[in-house]
Amino acid sequence: MASQLILQEAGGQLTDLEGRPLNEDAKATNIALIATRDDKLHNRIVEHLK
């Protein structure tokens, strides 16, 4: 997914709601995502959603 590469190149993360990295076969439909630029914020969001 091009947007994932752009985000990662900028130092961000893109995961599912449980904090797992998306695999190469992930489709952009019916997937809940978390996209953040800040690792601490990303981890806080994942923990909050558990």
PDB file of N, CA and C in Angstrom:
ATOM      1  N   MET A   1       0.846  -1.155   0.000  1.00  0.00           N
ATOM      2  CA  MET A   1       0.000   0.000   0.000  1.00  0.00           C
ATOM      3  C   MET A   1       0.907   1.238   0.000  1.00  0.00           C
ATOM      4  N   ALA A   2       0.730   2.102  -0.972  1.00  0.00           N
ATOM      5  CA  ALA A   2       1.601   3.270  -1.126  1.00  0.00           C
ATOM      6  C   ALA A   2       1.534   4.203   0.076  1.00  0.00           C
ATOM      7  N   SER A   3       0.348   4.397   0.612  1.00  0.00           N
ATOM      8  CA  SER A   3       0.216   5.301   1.763  1.00  0.00           C
ATOM      9  C   SER A   3       0.984   4.777   2.971  1.00  0.00           C
ATOM     10  N   GLN A   4       1.042   3.464   3.124  1.00  0.00           N
ATOM     11  CA  GLN A   4       1.796   2.871   4.230  1.00  0.00           C
ATOM     12  C   GLN A   4       3.281   3.168   4.064  1.00  0.00           C
ATOM     13  N   LEU A   5       3.792   3.039   2.864  1.00  0.00           N
ATOM     14  CA  LEU A   5       5.204   3.309   2.604  1.00  0.00           C
ATOM     15  C   LEU A   5       5.532   4.776   2.880  1.00  0.00           C
ATOM     16  N   ILE A   6       4.666   5.677   2.435  1.00  0.00           N
ATOM     17  CA  ILE A   6       4.892   7.107   2.668  1.00  0.00           C
ATOM     18  C   ILE A   6       4.923   7.399   4.164  1.00  0.00           C
ATOM     19  N   LEU A   7       3.975   6.852   4.895  1.00  0.00           N
ATOM     20  CA  LEU A   7       3.924   7.068   6.341  1.00  0.00           C
ATOM     21  C   LEU A   7       5.169   6.510   7.022  1.00  0.00           C
ATOM     22  N   GLN A   8       5.585   5.317   6.638  1.00  0.00           N
ATOM     23  CA  GLN A   8       6.769   4.705   7.242  1.00  0.00           C
ATOM     24  C   GLN A   8       8.028   5.509   6.920  1.00  0.00           C
ATOM     25  N   GLU A   9       8.138   6.006   5.700  1.00  0.00           N
ATOM     26  CA  GLU A   9       9.298   6.811   5.323  1.00  0.00           C
ATOM     27  C   GLU A   9       9.356   8.108   6.130  1.00  0.00           C
ATOM     28  N   ALA A  10       8.195   8.588   6.573  1.00  0.00           N
ATOM     29  CA  ALA A  10       8.132   9.800   7.391  1.00  0.00           C
ATOM     30  C   ALA A  10       8.320   9.489   8.871  1.00  0.00           C
ATOM     31  N   GLY A  11       8.547   8.219   9.196  1.00  0.00           N
ATOM     32  CA  GLY A  11       8.779   7.827  10.582  1.00  0.00           C
ATOM     33  C   GLY A  11       7.531   7.411  11.333  1.00  0.00           C
ATOM     34  N   GLY A  12       6.433   7.207  10.621  1.00  0.00           N
ATOM     35  CA  GLY A  12       5.176   6.850  11.261  1.00  0.00           C
ATOM     36  C   GLY A  12       4.915   5.356  11.268  1.00  0.00           C
ATOM     37  N   GLN A  13       3.760   5.000  11.811  1.00  0.00           N
ATOM     38  CA  GLN A  13       3.339   3.604  11.902  1.00  0.00           C
ATOM     39  C   GLN A  13       1.934   3.451  11.353  1.00  0.00           C
ATOM     40  N   LEU A  14       1.665   2.292  10.796  1.00  0.00           N
ATOM     41  CA  LEU A  14       0.327   1.933  10.347  1.00  0.00           C
ATOM     42  C   LEU A  14       0.093   0.498  10.780  1.00  0.00           C
ATOM     43  N   THR A  15      -0.898   0.295  11.649  1.00  0.00           N
ATOM     44  CA  THR A  15      -1.180  -1.040  12.169  1.00  0.00           C
ATOM     45  C   THR A  15      -2.683  -1.265  12.205  1.00  0.00           C
ATOM     46  N   ASP A  16      -3.058  -2.501  12.555  1.00  0.00           N
ATOM     47  CA  ASP A  16      -4.473  -2.747  12.824  1.00  0.00           C
ATOM     48  C   ASP A  16      -4.763  -2.261  14.242  1.00  0.00           C
ATOM     49  N   LEU A  17      -5.987  -2.429  14.702  1.00  0.00           N
ATOM     50  CA  LEU A  17      -6.369  -1.898  16.015  1.00  0.00           C
ATOM     51  C   LEU A  17      -5.690  -2.593  17.183  1.00  0.00           C
ATOM     52  N   GLU A  18      -5.075  -3.746  16.933  1.00  0.00           N
ATOM     53  CA  GLU A  18      -4.357  -4.459  17.990  1.00  0.00           C
ATOM     54  C   GLU A  18      -2.860  -4.182  17.950  1.00  0.00           C
ATOM     55  N   GLY A  19      -2.435  -3.268  17.075  1.00  0.00           N
ATOM     56  CA  GLY A  19      -1.035  -2.891  16.994  1.00  0.00           C
ATOM     57  C   GLY A  19      -0.189  -3.785  16.116  1.00  0.00           C
ATOM     58  N   ARG A  20      -0.828  -4.699  15.390  1.00  0.00           N
ATOM     59  CA  ARG A  20      -0.078  -5.606  14.512  1.00  0.00           C
ATOM     60  C   ARG A  20       0.177  -4.922  13.171  1.00  0.00           C
ATOM     61  N   PRO A  21       1.405  -5.019  12.661  1.00  0.00           N
ATOM     62  CA  PRO A  21       1.693  -4.451  11.343  1.00  0.00           C
ATOM     63  C   PRO A  21       0.824  -5.123  10.283  1.00  0.00           C
ATOM     64  N   LEU A  22       0.480  -4.367   9.261  1.00  0.00           N
ATOM     65  CA  LEU A  22      -0.314  -4.940   8.179  1.00  0.00           C
ATOM     66  C   LEU A  22       0.569  -5.827   7.327  1.00  0.00           C
ATOM     67  N   ASN A  23       0.013  -6.935   6.875  1.00  0.00           N
ATOM     68  CA  ASN A  23       0.798  -7.791   5.998  1.00  0.00           C
ATOM     69  C   ASN A  23       0.664  -7.296   4.561  1.00  0.00           C
ATOM     70  N   GLU A  24       1.461  -7.846   3.687  1.00  0.00           N
ATOM     71  CA  GLU A  24       1.513  -7.390   2.294  1.00  0.00           C
ATOM     72  C   GLU A  24       0.210  -7.619   1.551  1.00  0.00           C
ATOM     73  N   ASP A  25      -0.614  -8.556   2.006  1.00  0.00           N
ATOM     74  CA  ASP A  25      -1.855  -8.885   1.316  1.00  0.00           C
ATOM     75  C   ASP A  25      -3.053  -8.080   1.812  1.00  0.00           C
ATOM     76  N   ALA A  26      -2.832  -7.175   2.753  1.00  0.00           N
ATOM     77  CA  ALA A  26      -3.950  -6.417   3.330  1.00  0.00           C
ATOM     78  C   ALA A  26      -4.614  -5.552   2.266  1.00  0.00           C
ATOM     79  N   LYS A  27      -5.901  -5.571   2.272  1.00  0.00           N
ATOM     80  CA  LYS A  27      -6.690  -4.736   1.367  1.00  0.00           C
ATOM     81  C   LYS A  27      -7.175  -3.515   2.139  1.00  0.00           C
ATOM     82  N   ALA A  28      -7.507  -2.471   1.441  1.00  0.00           N
ATOM     83  CA  ALA A  28      -7.931  -1.223   2.084  1.00  0.00           C
ATOM     84  C   ALA A  28      -9.422  -1.207   2.402  1.00  0.00           C
ATOM     85  N   THR A  29     -10.085  -2.352   2.326  1.00  0.00           N
ATOM     86  CA  THR A  29     -11.511  -2.383   2.633  1.00  0.00           C
ATOM     87  C   THR A  29     -11.758  -3.196   3.891  1.00  0.00           C
ATOM     88  N   ASN A  30     -12.668  -2.730   4.697  1.00  0.00           N
ATOM     89  CA  ASN A  30     -13.090  -3.426   5.919  1.00  0.00           C
ATOM     90  C   ASN A  30     -11.955  -3.703   6.895  1.00  0.00           C
ATOM     91  N   ILE A  31     -10.996  -2.801   6.965  1.00  0.00           N
ATOM     92  CA  ILE A  31      -9.905  -2.924   7.928  1.00  0.00           C
ATOM     93  C   ILE A  31      -9.874  -1.634   8.748  1.00  0.00           C
ATOM     94  N   ALA A  32      -9.889  -1.773  10.057  1.00  0.00           N
ATOM     95  CA  ALA A  32      -9.736  -0.608  10.921  1.00  0.00           C
ATOM     96  C   ALA A  32      -8.244  -0.387  11.141  1.00  0.00           C
ATOM     97  N   LEU A  33      -7.777   0.817  10.906  1.00  0.00           N
ATOM     98  CA  LEU A  33      -6.355   1.121  10.972  1.00  0.00           C
ATOM     99  C   LEU A  33      -6.066   2.220  11.976  1.00  0.00           C
ATOM    100  N   ILE A  34      -4.837   2.217  12.452  1.00  0.00           N
ATOM    101  CA  ILE A  34      -4.316   3.320  13.246  1.00  0.00           C
ATOM    102  C   ILE A  34      -3.078   3.816  12.508  1.00  0.00           C
ATOM    103  N   ALA A  35      -3.074   5.086  12.157  1.00  0.00           N
ATOM    104  CA  ALA A  35      -1.932   5.690  11.478  1.00  0.00           C
ATOM    105  C   ALA A  35      -1.482   6.891  12.294  1.00  0.00           C
ATOM    106  N   THR A  36      -0.242   6.856  12.761  1.00  0.00           N
ATOM    107  CA  THR A  36       0.285   7.955  13.561  1.00  0.00           C
ATOM    108  C   THR A  36       1.718   8.254  13.160  1.00  0.00           C
ATOM    109  N   ARG A  37       2.152   9.437  13.469  1.00  0.00           N
ATOM    110  CA  ARG A  37       3.525   9.849  13.214  1.00  0.00           C
ATOM    111  C   ARG A  37       4.393   9.612  14.448  1.00  0.00           C
ATOM    112  N   ASP A  38       3.753   9.541  15.611  1.00  0.00           N
ATOM    113  CA  ASP A  38       4.460   9.463  16.881  1.00  0.00           C
ATOM    114  C   ASP A  38       4.293   8.072  17.499  1.00  0.00           C
ATOM    115  N   ASP A  39       5.403   7.381  17.773  1.00  0.00           N
ATOM    116  CA  ASP A  39       5.350   6.026  18.335  1.00  0.00           C
ATOM    117  C   ASP A  39       4.662   5.984  19.693  1.00  0.00           C
ATOM    118  N   LYS A  40       4.933   6.958  20.554  1.00  0.00           N
ATOM    119  CA  LYS A  40       4.305   6.974  21.883  1.00  0.00           C
ATOM    120  C   LYS A  40       2.796   7.113  21.760  1.00  0.00           C
ATOM    121  N   LEU A  41       2.353   8.015  20.901  1.00  0.00           N
ATOM    122  CA  LEU A  41       0.921   8.201  20.692  1.00  0.00           C
ATOM    123  C   LEU A  41       0.301   6.934  20.124  1.00  0.00           C
ATOM    124  N   HIS A  42       0.980   6.311  19.186  1.00  0.00           N
ATOM    125  CA  HIS A  42       0.483   5.081  18.574  1.00  0.00           C
ATOM    126  C   HIS A  42       0.271   4.011  19.643  1.00  0.00           C
ATOM    127  N   ASN A  43       1.267   3.837  20.489  1.00  0.00           N
ATOM    128  CA  ASN A  43       1.170   2.830  21.554  1.00  0.00           C
ATOM    129  C   ASN A  43       0.058   3.161  22.539  1.00  0.00           C
ATOM    130  N   ARG A  44      -0.122   4.437  22.861  1.00  0.00           N
ATOM    131  CA  ARG A  44      -1.198   4.835  23.777  1.00  0.00           C
ATOM    132  C   ARG A  44      -2.567   4.542  23.179  1.00  0.00           C
ATOM    133  N   ILE A  45      -2.718   4.795  21.891  1.00  0.00           N
ATOM    134  CA  ILE A  45      -3.998   4.521  21.227  1.00  0.00           C
ATOM    135  C   ILE A  45      -4.284   3.029  21.231  1.00  0.00           C
ATOM    136  N   VAL A  46      -3.289   2.221  20.874  1.00  0.00           N
ATOM    137  CA  VAL A  46      -3.465   0.764  20.859  1.00  0.00           C
ATOM    138  C   VAL A  46      -3.858   0.274  22.251  1.00  0.00           C
ATOM    139  N   GLU A  47      -3.168   0.736  23.286  1.00  0.00           N
ATOM    140  CA  GLU A  47      -3.483   0.314  24.654  1.00  0.00           C
ATOM    141  C   GLU A  47      -4.889   0.747  25.055  1.00  0.00           C
ATOM    142  N   HIS A  48      -5.279   1.933  24.666  1.00  0.00           N
ATOM    143  CA  HIS A  48      -6.610   2.440  25.006  1.00  0.00           C
ATOM    144  C   HIS A  48      -7.709   1.602  24.352  1.00  0.00           C
ATOM    145  N   LEU A  49      -7.452   1.089  23.164  1.00  0.00           N
ATOM    146  CA  LEU A  49      -8.461   0.321  22.431  1.00  0.00           C
ATOM    147  C   LEU A  49      -8.564  -1.130  22.881  1.00  0.00           C
ATOM    148  N   LYS A  50      -7.612  -1.600  23.678  1.00  0.00           N
ATOM    149  CA  LYS A  50      -7.661  -2.995  24.141  1.00  0.00           C
ATOM    150  C   LYS A  50      -8.730  -3.189  25.180  1.00  0.00           C
TER     151      LYS A  50
END
